[in-house]
Amino acid sequence: MERVGRDGERIEAWCGIDRLSLASVLDFIQRDIDAHRELPFDEDRERARLMPV
């Protein structure tokens, strides 16, 4: 299934039935993690995620 990413470009998205094997699901998750690691660091976004304790 295709979805739109932050940059407006179409991206592959996991939607359950399209990923029937555990290996394909884990591969998709790993590729998603890798893609997020490649994003530039955004300090304001990271600070917004902090929660007071």
N, C-alpha and C. Protein backbone atom coordinates (compact mmCIF):
# COMPACT_ATOMS: atom_id res chain seq x y z
N MET A 1 0.84 -1.17 0.00
CA MET A 1 0.00 0.00 0.00
C MET A 1 0.89 1.24 0.00
N GLU A 2 0.45 2.27 -0.68
CA GLU A 2 1.22 3.50 -0.77
C GLU A 2 0.59 4.59 0.10
N ARG A 3 1.44 5.35 0.74
CA ARG A 3 1.03 6.50 1.55
C ARG A 3 1.94 7.67 1.18
N VAL A 4 1.64 8.85 1.70
CA VAL A 4 2.43 10.05 1.42
C VAL A 4 3.31 10.34 2.63
N GLY A 5 4.61 10.59 2.39
CA GLY A 5 5.55 10.88 3.46
C GLY A 5 5.60 12.36 3.79
N ARG A 6 6.49 12.72 4.71
CA ARG A 6 6.64 14.11 5.15
C ARG A 6 6.96 15.05 4.02
N ASP A 7 7.69 14.54 3.03
CA ASP A 7 8.11 15.39 1.92
C ASP A 7 7.09 15.43 0.79
N GLY A 8 5.93 14.79 0.99
CA GLY A 8 4.90 14.77 -0.04
C GLY A 8 5.06 13.67 -1.06
N GLU A 9 6.16 12.92 -0.97
CA GLU A 9 6.40 11.82 -1.90
C GLU A 9 5.66 10.57 -1.42
N ARG A 10 5.30 9.72 -2.36
CA ARG A 10 4.62 8.47 -2.00
C ARG A 10 5.62 7.51 -1.38
N ILE A 11 5.18 6.79 -0.32
CA ILE A 11 6.02 5.82 0.37
C ILE A 11 5.27 4.51 0.55
N GLU A 12 6.00 3.45 0.73
CA GLU A 12 5.41 2.15 1.02
C GLU A 12 4.99 2.14 2.49
N ALA A 13 3.82 1.61 2.79
CA ALA A 13 3.35 1.55 4.18
C ALA A 13 2.83 0.15 4.48
N TRP A 14 3.06 -0.29 5.70
CA TRP A 14 2.61 -1.62 6.11
C TRP A 14 1.15 -1.57 6.52
N CYS A 15 0.34 -2.45 5.95
CA CYS A 15 -1.09 -2.47 6.28
C CYS A 15 -1.58 -3.90 6.51
N GLY A 16 -0.87 -4.64 7.33
CA GLY A 16 -1.32 -5.96 7.76
C GLY A 16 -1.35 -7.03 6.69
N ILE A 17 -2.44 -7.16 5.99
CA ILE A 17 -2.64 -8.28 5.07
C ILE A 17 -1.63 -8.30 3.93
N ASP A 18 -1.07 -7.13 3.59
CA ASP A 18 -0.06 -7.08 2.54
C ASP A 18 1.23 -7.77 2.96
N ARG A 19 1.43 -7.96 4.26
CA ARG A 19 2.66 -8.54 4.82
C ARG A 19 2.29 -9.82 5.57
N LEU A 20 2.28 -10.92 4.86
CA LEU A 20 1.80 -12.15 5.47
C LEU A 20 2.86 -12.92 6.24
N SER A 21 4.12 -12.74 5.95
CA SER A 21 5.14 -13.50 6.66
C SER A 21 5.83 -12.65 7.71
N LEU A 22 6.27 -13.31 8.78
CA LEU A 22 6.99 -12.61 9.84
C LEU A 22 8.26 -11.97 9.29
N ALA A 23 8.95 -12.66 8.42
CA ALA A 23 10.19 -12.13 7.84
C ALA A 23 9.93 -10.83 7.08
N SER A 24 8.84 -10.77 6.31
CA SER A 24 8.56 -9.55 5.54
C SER A 24 8.15 -8.40 6.47
N VAL A 25 7.43 -8.71 7.55
CA VAL A 25 7.05 -7.68 8.51
C VAL A 25 8.29 -7.14 9.21
N LEU A 26 9.17 -8.02 9.68
CA LEU A 26 10.39 -7.59 10.35
C LEU A 26 11.29 -6.81 9.42
N ASP A 27 11.37 -7.21 8.16
CA ASP A 27 12.17 -6.47 7.18
C ASP A 27 11.60 -5.07 6.98
N PHE A 28 10.28 -4.94 6.90
CA PHE A 28 9.65 -3.64 6.74
C PHE A 28 9.95 -2.75 7.94
N ILE A 29 9.82 -3.30 9.15
CA ILE A 29 10.08 -2.53 10.36
C ILE A 29 11.53 -2.06 10.40
N GLN A 30 12.46 -2.94 10.04
CA GLN A 30 13.87 -2.56 10.06
C GLN A 30 14.16 -1.45 9.05
N ARG A 31 13.57 -1.55 7.86
CA ARG A 31 13.78 -0.50 6.85
C ARG A 31 13.19 0.83 7.32
N ASP A 32 12.05 0.78 8.03
CA ASP A 32 11.45 1.99 8.57
C ASP A 32 12.34 2.61 9.64
N ILE A 33 12.90 1.80 10.53
CA ILE A 33 13.82 2.29 11.56
C ILE A 33 15.04 2.93 10.90
N ASP A 34 15.60 2.26 9.92
CA ASP A 34 16.78 2.79 9.22
C ASP A 34 16.47 4.13 8.55
N ALA A 35 15.29 4.25 7.95
CA ALA A 35 14.91 5.49 7.28
C ALA A 35 14.78 6.63 8.29
N HIS A 36 14.22 6.36 9.46
CA HIS A 36 14.10 7.41 10.47
C HIS A 36 15.46 7.82 11.03
N ARG A 37 16.38 6.90 11.11
CA ARG A 37 17.72 7.23 11.59
C ARG A 37 18.45 8.15 10.63
N GLU A 38 18.07 8.12 9.37
CA GLU A 38 18.72 8.95 8.35
C GLU A 38 18.17 10.37 8.32
N LEU A 39 17.06 10.64 9.04
CA LEU A 39 16.50 11.98 9.06
C LEU A 39 17.44 12.92 9.81
N PRO A 40 17.50 14.17 9.40
CA PRO A 40 18.33 15.13 10.12
C PRO A 40 17.79 15.34 11.53
N PHE A 41 18.68 15.62 12.48
CA PHE A 41 18.28 15.83 13.86
C PHE A 41 17.53 17.15 13.98
N ASP A 42 16.38 17.12 14.62
CA ASP A 42 15.56 18.31 14.82
C ASP A 42 15.39 18.51 16.33
N GLU A 43 16.20 19.42 16.88
CA GLU A 43 16.20 19.61 18.34
C GLU A 43 14.85 20.05 18.87
N ASP A 44 14.15 20.94 18.16
CA ASP A 44 12.83 21.39 18.62
C ASP A 44 11.84 20.23 18.69
N ARG A 45 11.87 19.36 17.69
CA ARG A 45 10.98 18.20 17.70
C ARG A 45 11.32 17.27 18.86
N GLU A 46 12.60 17.05 19.10
CA GLU A 46 13.01 16.18 20.20
C GLU A 46 12.64 16.78 21.55
N ARG A 47 12.80 18.08 21.71
CA ARG A 47 12.42 18.73 22.97
C ARG A 47 10.91 18.64 23.20
N ALA A 48 10.14 18.71 22.13
CA ALA A 48 8.68 18.62 22.25
C ALA A 48 8.25 17.24 22.74
N ARG A 49 9.06 16.23 22.51
CA ARG A 49 8.73 14.87 22.95
C ARG A 49 8.99 14.67 24.45
N LEU A 50 9.81 15.52 25.06
CA LEU A 50 10.13 15.36 26.47
C LEU A 50 8.90 15.60 27.34
N MET A 51 8.75 14.77 28.34
CA MET A 51 7.62 14.89 29.26
C MET A 51 8.13 15.23 30.66
N PRO A 52 7.47 16.15 31.35
CA PRO A 52 7.89 16.44 32.73
C PRO A 52 7.65 15.22 33.62
N VAL A 53 8.54 15.03 34.57
CA VAL A 53 8.43 13.88 35.47
C VAL A 53 8.04 14.36 36.85
